[in-house]
Amino acid sequence: MKLKVVLEPSDEGGYTVHVPSLPGCISEGESVEEALENIQEAIELYLEPLEDELITQEGVIVRELVL
């Protein structure tokens, strides 16, 4: 899966990074490399299914897709 991320210099130093296609997925880092590592972790957590939040009703099918 490929996602575009946007890195912006922070007023306090370092970078703020967000993923336009994943609303609310944002992170930061002191360097470009650190910001990219942090946003990768944030993306993984953002996309991780929360089993407890899956409310299944009779006849509902839940499948996992690998992109």
PDB file of N, CA and C in Angstrom:
ATOM      1  N   MET A   1       0.848  -1.166   0.000  1.00  0.00           N
ATOM      2  CA  MET A   1       0.000   0.000   0.000  1.00  0.00           C
ATOM      3  C   MET A   1       0.898   1.235   0.000  1.00  0.00           C
ATOM      4  N   LYS A   2       0.555   2.199  -0.825  1.00  0.00           N
ATOM      5  CA  LYS A   2       1.303   3.443  -0.867  1.00  0.00           C
ATOM      6  C   LYS A   2       0.405   4.577  -0.401  1.00  0.00           C
ATOM      7  N   LEU A   3       0.918   5.405   0.495  1.00  0.00           N
ATOM      8  CA  LEU A   3       0.184   6.564   0.989  1.00  0.00           C
ATOM      9  C   LEU A   3       1.087   7.782   0.912  1.00  0.00           C
ATOM     10  N   LYS A   4       0.528   8.891   0.520  1.00  0.00           N
ATOM     11  CA  LYS A   4       1.294  10.141   0.536  1.00  0.00           C
ATOM     12  C   LYS A   4       1.193  10.760   1.916  1.00  0.00           C
ATOM     13  N   VAL A   5       2.319  11.290   2.397  1.00  0.00           N
ATOM     14  CA  VAL A   5       2.348  11.997   3.673  1.00  0.00           C
ATOM     15  C   VAL A   5       2.873  13.404   3.419  1.00  0.00           C
ATOM     16  N   VAL A   6       2.457  14.318   4.266  1.00  0.00           N
ATOM     17  CA  VAL A   6       2.870  15.713   4.141  1.00  0.00           C
ATOM     18  C   VAL A   6       3.669  16.086   5.382  1.00  0.00           C
ATOM     19  N   LEU A   7       4.900  16.534   5.171  1.00  0.00           N
ATOM     20  CA  LEU A   7       5.762  16.973   6.271  1.00  0.00           C
ATOM     21  C   LEU A   7       5.830  18.496   6.242  1.00  0.00           C
ATOM     22  N   GLU A   8       5.587  19.105   7.392  1.00  0.00           N
ATOM     23  CA  GLU A   8       5.649  20.558   7.504  1.00  0.00           C
ATOM     24  C   GLU A   8       6.591  20.931   8.648  1.00  0.00           C
ATOM     25  N   PRO A   9       7.463  21.899   8.436  1.00  0.00           N
ATOM     26  CA  PRO A   9       8.323  22.335   9.536  1.00  0.00           C
ATOM     27  C   PRO A   9       7.469  22.858  10.685  1.00  0.00           C
ATOM     28  N   SER A  10       7.839  22.489  11.885  1.00  0.00           N
ATOM     29  CA  SER A  10       7.120  22.919  13.084  1.00  0.00           C
ATOM     30  C   SER A  10       7.755  24.197  13.633  1.00  0.00           C
ATOM     31  N   ASP A  11       6.950  25.080  14.200  1.00  0.00           N
ATOM     32  CA  ASP A  11       7.469  26.318  14.788  1.00  0.00           C
ATOM     33  C   ASP A  11       8.466  26.044  15.906  1.00  0.00           C
ATOM     34  N   GLU A  12       8.279  24.930  16.611  1.00  0.00           N
ATOM     35  CA  GLU A  12       9.155  24.579  17.731  1.00  0.00           C
ATOM     36  C   GLU A  12      10.381  23.787  17.289  1.00  0.00           C
ATOM     37  N   GLY A  13      10.500  23.560  15.998  1.00  0.00           N
ATOM     38  CA  GLY A  13      11.574  22.723  15.471  1.00  0.00           C
ATOM     39  C   GLY A  13      11.026  21.354  15.112  1.00  0.00           C
ATOM     40  N   GLY A  14      11.715  20.663  14.275  1.00  0.00           N
ATOM     41  CA  GLY A  14      11.257  19.350  13.847  1.00  0.00           C
ATOM     42  C   GLY A  14      10.168  19.472  12.794  1.00  0.00           C
ATOM     43  N   TYR A  15       9.405  18.402  12.649  1.00  0.00           N
ATOM     44  CA  TYR A  15       8.391  18.330  11.604  1.00  0.00           C
ATOM     45  C   TYR A  15       7.092  17.756  12.134  1.00  0.00           C
ATOM     46  N   THR A  16       5.997  18.275  11.619  1.00  0.00           N
ATOM     47  CA  THR A  16       4.685  17.681  11.814  1.00  0.00           C
ATOM     48  C   THR A  16       4.352  16.980  10.515  1.00  0.00           C
ATOM     49  N   VAL A  17       3.793  15.779  10.604  1.00  0.00           N
ATOM     50  CA  VAL A  17       3.492  14.992   9.412  1.00  0.00           C
ATOM     51  C   VAL A  17       2.080  14.441   9.525  1.00  0.00           C
ATOM     52  N   HIS A  18       1.346  14.494   8.409  1.00  0.00           N
ATOM     53  CA  HIS A  18      -0.001  13.928   8.386  1.00  0.00           C
ATOM     54  C   HIS A  18      -0.257  13.213   7.071  1.00  0.00           C
ATOM     55  N   VAL A  19      -1.312  12.406   7.075  1.00  0.00           N
ATOM     56  CA  VAL A  19      -1.694  11.610   5.907  1.00  0.00           C
ATOM     57  C   VAL A  19      -3.037  12.148   5.418  1.00  0.00           C
ATOM     58  N   PRO A  20      -3.062  12.867   4.305  1.00  0.00           N
ATOM     59  CA  PRO A  20      -4.325  13.457   3.828  1.00  0.00           C
ATOM     60  C   PRO A  20      -5.450  12.443   3.622  1.00  0.00           C
ATOM     61  N   SER A  21      -5.125  11.234   3.206  1.00  0.00           N
ATOM     62  CA  SER A  21      -6.164  10.236   2.947  1.00  0.00           C
ATOM     63  C   SER A  21      -6.657   9.528   4.209  1.00  0.00           C
ATOM     64  N   LEU A  22      -6.028   9.798   5.367  1.00  0.00           N
ATOM     65  CA  LEU A  22      -6.450   9.207   6.637  1.00  0.00           C
ATOM     66  C   LEU A  22      -6.708  10.344   7.632  1.00  0.00           C
ATOM     67  N   PRO A  23      -7.918  10.883   7.646  1.00  0.00           N
ATOM     68  CA  PRO A  23      -8.219  12.029   8.515  1.00  0.00           C
ATOM     69  C   PRO A  23      -7.837  11.765   9.978  1.00  0.00           C
ATOM     70  N   GLY A  24      -7.133  12.706  10.565  1.00  0.00           N
ATOM     71  CA  GLY A  24      -6.731  12.595  11.959  1.00  0.00           C
ATOM     72  C   GLY A  24      -5.458  11.815  12.199  1.00  0.00           C
ATOM     73  N   CYS A  25      -4.872  11.259  11.145  1.00  0.00           N
ATOM     74  CA  CYS A  25      -3.627  10.504  11.297  1.00  0.00           C
ATOM     75  C   CYS A  25      -2.477  11.496  11.187  1.00  0.00           C
ATOM     76  N   ILE A  26      -1.893  11.827  12.347  1.00  0.00           N
ATOM     77  CA  ILE A  26      -0.879  12.874  12.423  1.00  0.00           C
ATOM     78  C   ILE A  26       0.195  12.462  13.423  1.00  0.00           C
ATOM     79  N   SER A  27       1.406  12.919  13.199  1.00  0.00           N
ATOM     80  CA  SER A  27       2.508  12.651  14.126  1.00  0.00           C
ATOM     81  C   SER A  27       3.542  13.747  13.944  1.00  0.00           C
ATOM     82  N   GLU A  28       4.675  13.584  14.610  1.00  0.00           N
ATOM     83  CA  GLU A  28       5.745  14.567  14.500  1.00  0.00           C
ATOM     84  C   GLU A  28       7.069  13.912  14.837  1.00  0.00           C
ATOM     85  N   GLY A  29       8.149  14.618  14.548  1.00  0.00           N
ATOM     86  CA  GLY A  29       9.472  14.120  14.857  1.00  0.00           C
ATOM     87  C   GLY A  29      10.481  15.242  14.777  1.00  0.00           C
ATOM     88  N   GLU A  30      11.616  15.052  15.422  1.00  0.00           N
ATOM     89  CA  GLU A  30      12.672  16.058  15.442  1.00  0.00           C
ATOM     90  C   GLU A  30      13.384  16.169  14.102  1.00  0.00           C
ATOM     91  N   SER A  31      13.370  15.088  13.314  1.00  0.00           N
ATOM     92  CA  SER A  31      14.003  15.082  11.993  1.00  0.00           C
ATOM     93  C   SER A  31      13.015  14.478  10.994  1.00  0.00           C
ATOM     94  N   VAL A  32      13.331  14.605   9.709  1.00  0.00           N
ATOM     95  CA  VAL A  32      12.477  14.004   8.679  1.00  0.00           C
ATOM     96  C   VAL A  32      12.391  12.496   8.907  1.00  0.00           C
ATOM     97  N   GLU A  33      13.524  11.867   9.177  1.00  0.00           N
ATOM     98  CA  GLU A  33      13.560  10.419   9.375  1.00  0.00           C
ATOM     99  C   GLU A  33      12.692  10.003  10.559  1.00  0.00           C
ATOM    100  N   GLU A  34      12.811  10.718  11.677  1.00  0.00           N
ATOM    101  CA  GLU A  34      12.026  10.391  12.869  1.00  0.00           C
ATOM    102  C   GLU A  34      10.536  10.619  12.611  1.00  0.00           C
ATOM    103  N   ALA A  35      10.210  11.703  11.924  1.00  0.00           N
ATOM    104  CA  ALA A  35       8.809  11.982  11.606  1.00  0.00           C
ATOM    105  C   ALA A  35       8.225  10.880  10.727  1.00  0.00           C
ATOM    106  N   LEU A  36       8.992  10.406   9.753  1.00  0.00           N
ATOM    107  CA  LEU A  36       8.513   9.326   8.882  1.00  0.00           C
ATOM    108  C   LEU A  36       8.344   8.015   9.640  1.00  0.00           C
ATOM    109  N   GLU A  37       9.263   7.718  10.548  1.00  0.00           N
ATOM    110  CA  GLU A  37       9.123   6.512  11.374  1.00  0.00           C
ATOM    111  C   GLU A  37       7.874   6.608  12.236  1.00  0.00           C
ATOM    112  N   ASN A  38       7.659   7.785  12.830  1.00  0.00           N
ATOM    113  CA  ASN A  38       6.509   7.973  13.713  1.00  0.00           C
ATOM    114  C   ASN A  38       5.187   7.908  12.956  1.00  0.00           C
ATOM    115  N   ILE A  39       5.130   8.479  11.751  1.00  0.00           N
ATOM    116  CA  ILE A  39       3.883   8.442  10.999  1.00  0.00           C
ATOM    117  C   ILE A  39       3.603   7.034  10.495  1.00  0.00           C
ATOM    118  N   GLN A  40       4.637   6.266  10.209  1.00  0.00           N
ATOM    119  CA  GLN A  40       4.415   4.875   9.803  1.00  0.00           C
ATOM    120  C   GLN A  40       3.739   4.102  10.931  1.00  0.00           C
ATOM    121  N   GLU A  41       4.209   4.296  12.163  1.00  0.00           N
ATOM    122  CA  GLU A  41       3.583   3.639  13.308  1.00  0.00           C
ATOM    123  C   GLU A  41       2.151   4.131  13.487  1.00  0.00           C
ATOM    124  N   ALA A  42       1.930   5.431  13.319  1.00  0.00           N
ATOM    125  CA  ALA A  42       0.579   5.990  13.452  1.00  0.00           C
ATOM    126  C   ALA A  42      -0.360   5.409  12.393  1.00  0.00           C
ATOM    127  N   ILE A  43       0.133   5.231  11.170  1.00  0.00           N
ATOM    128  CA  ILE A  43      -0.678   4.645  10.099  1.00  0.00           C
ATOM    129  C   ILE A  43      -1.050   3.206  10.447  1.00  0.00           C
ATOM    130  N   GLU A  44      -0.083   2.441  10.922  1.00  0.00           N
ATOM    131  CA  GLU A  44      -0.353   1.051  11.286  1.00  0.00           C
ATOM    132  C   GLU A  44      -1.419   0.972  12.374  1.00  0.00           C
ATOM    133  N   LEU A  45      -1.333   1.839  13.365  1.00  0.00           N
ATOM    134  CA  LEU A  45      -2.335   1.844  14.434  1.00  0.00           C
ATOM    135  C   LEU A  45      -3.686   2.328  13.916  1.00  0.00           C
ATOM    136  N   TYR A  46      -3.675   3.303  13.035  1.00  0.00           N
ATOM    137  CA  TYR A  46      -4.906   3.844  12.459  1.00  0.00           C
ATOM    138  C   TYR A  46      -5.659   2.760  11.689  1.00  0.00           C
ATOM    139  N   LEU A  47      -4.927   1.953  10.948  1.00  0.00           N
ATOM    140  CA  LEU A  47      -5.538   0.938  10.099  1.00  0.00           C
ATOM    141  C   LEU A  47      -5.795  -0.382  10.816  1.00  0.00           C
ATOM    142  N   GLU A  48      -5.272  -0.541  12.016  1.00  0.00           N
ATOM    143  CA  GLU A  48      -5.446  -1.779  12.762  1.00  0.00           C
ATOM    144  C   GLU A  48      -6.912  -1.948  13.148  1.00  0.00           C
ATOM    145  N   PRO A  49      -7.505  -3.072  12.785  1.00  0.00           N
ATOM    146  CA  PRO A  49      -8.909  -3.265  13.150  1.00  0.00           C
ATOM    147  C   PRO A  49      -9.049  -3.472  14.657  1.00  0.00           C
ATOM    148  N   LEU A  50     -10.069  -2.869  15.195  1.00  0.00           N
ATOM    149  CA  LEU A  50     -10.344  -3.030  16.618  1.00  0.00           C
ATOM    150  C   LEU A  50     -11.443  -4.077  16.773  1.00  0.00           C
ATOM    151  N   GLU A  51     -11.041  -5.281  17.131  1.00  0.00           N
ATOM    152  CA  GLU A  51     -11.980  -6.390  17.216  1.00  0.00           C
ATOM    153  C   GLU A  51     -13.137  -6.091  18.168  1.00  0.00           C
ATOM    154  N   ASP A  52     -12.868  -5.390  19.258  1.00  0.00           N
ATOM    155  CA  ASP A  52     -13.914  -5.094  20.228  1.00  0.00           C
ATOM    156  C   ASP A  52     -14.970  -4.161  19.657  1.00  0.00           C
ATOM    157  N   GLU A  53     -14.607  -3.365  18.651  1.00  0.00           N
ATOM    158  CA  GLU A  53     -15.550  -2.424  18.074  1.00  0.00           C
ATOM    159  C   GLU A  53     -16.389  -3.033  16.959  1.00  0.00           C
ATOM    160  N   LEU A  54     -16.024  -4.233  16.529  1.00  0.00           N
ATOM    161  CA  LEU A  54     -16.804  -4.884  15.486  1.00  0.00           C
ATOM    162  C   LEU A  54     -18.065  -5.475  16.104  1.00  0.00           C
ATOM    163  N   ILE A  55     -19.170  -4.890  15.775  1.00  0.00           N
ATOM    164  CA  ILE A  55     -20.447  -5.386  16.282  1.00  0.00           C
ATOM    165  C   ILE A  55     -21.029  -6.271  15.197  1.00  0.00           C
ATOM    166  N   THR A  56     -21.079  -7.542  15.492  1.00  0.00           N
ATOM    167  CA  THR A  56     -21.577  -8.457  14.485  1.00  0.00           C
ATOM    168  C   THR A  56     -23.011  -8.841  14.788  1.00  0.00           C
ATOM    169  N   GLN A  57     -23.792  -8.863  13.743  1.00  0.00           N
ATOM    170  CA  GLN A  57     -25.173  -9.300  13.843  1.00  0.00           C
ATOM    171  C   GLN A  57     -25.297 -10.574  13.030  1.00  0.00           C
ATOM    172  N   GLU A  58     -26.348 -11.285  13.247  1.00  0.00           N
ATOM    173  CA  GLU A  58     -26.555 -12.520  12.519  1.00  0.00           C
ATOM    174  C   GLU A  58     -26.539 -12.251  11.019  1.00  0.00           C
ATOM    175  N   GLY A  59     -25.777 -13.020  10.283  1.00  0.00           N
ATOM    176  CA  GLY A  59     -25.694 -12.876   8.843  1.00  0.00           C
ATOM    177  C   GLY A  59     -24.588 -11.942   8.373  1.00  0.00           C
ATOM    178  N   VAL A  60     -23.930 -11.225   9.304  1.00  0.00           N
ATOM    179  CA  VAL A  60     -22.860 -10.306   8.941  1.00  0.00           C
ATOM    180  C   VAL A  60     -21.572 -11.102   8.777  1.00  0.00           C
ATOM    181  N   ILE A  61     -20.830 -10.800   7.724  1.00  0.00           N
ATOM    182  CA  ILE A  61     -19.557 -11.481   7.464  1.00  0.00           C
ATOM    183  C   ILE A  61     -18.432 -10.458   7.606  1.00  0.00           C
ATOM    184  N   VAL A  62     -17.411 -10.805   8.378  1.00  0.00           N
ATOM    185  CA  VAL A  62     -16.246  -9.945   8.551  1.00  0.00           C
ATOM    186  C   VAL A  62     -15.053 -10.648   7.917  1.00  0.00           C
ATOM    187  N   ARG A  63     -14.358  -9.964   7.009  1.00  0.00           N
ATOM    188  CA  ARG A  63     -13.181 -10.513   6.353  1.00  0.00           C
ATOM    189  C   ARG A  63     -12.038  -9.515   6.463  1.00  0.00           C
ATOM    190  N   GLU A  64     -10.830 -10.001   6.396  1.00  0.00           N
ATOM    191  CA  GLU A  64      -9.658  -9.140   6.416  1.00  0.00           C
ATOM    192  C   GLU A  64      -9.044  -9.117   5.020  1.00  0.00           C
ATOM    193  N   LEU A  65      -8.744  -7.930   4.527  1.00  0.00           N
ATOM    194  CA  LEU A  65      -8.122  -7.773   3.226  1.00  0.00           C
ATOM    195  C   LEU A  65      -6.689  -7.324   3.398  1.00  0.00           C
ATOM    196  N   VAL A  66      -5.803  -7.837   2.582  1.00  0.00           N
ATOM    197  CA  VAL A  66      -4.410  -7.428   2.590  1.00  0.00           C
ATOM    198  C   VAL A  66      -4.198  -6.568   1.344  1.00  0.00           C
ATOM    199  N   LEU A  67      -3.720  -5.344   1.539  1.00  0.00           N
ATOM    200  CA  LEU A  67      -3.492  -4.445   0.423  1.00  0.00           C
ATOM    201  C   LEU A  67      -2.020  -4.351   0.110  1.00  0.00           C
TER     202      LEU A  67
END
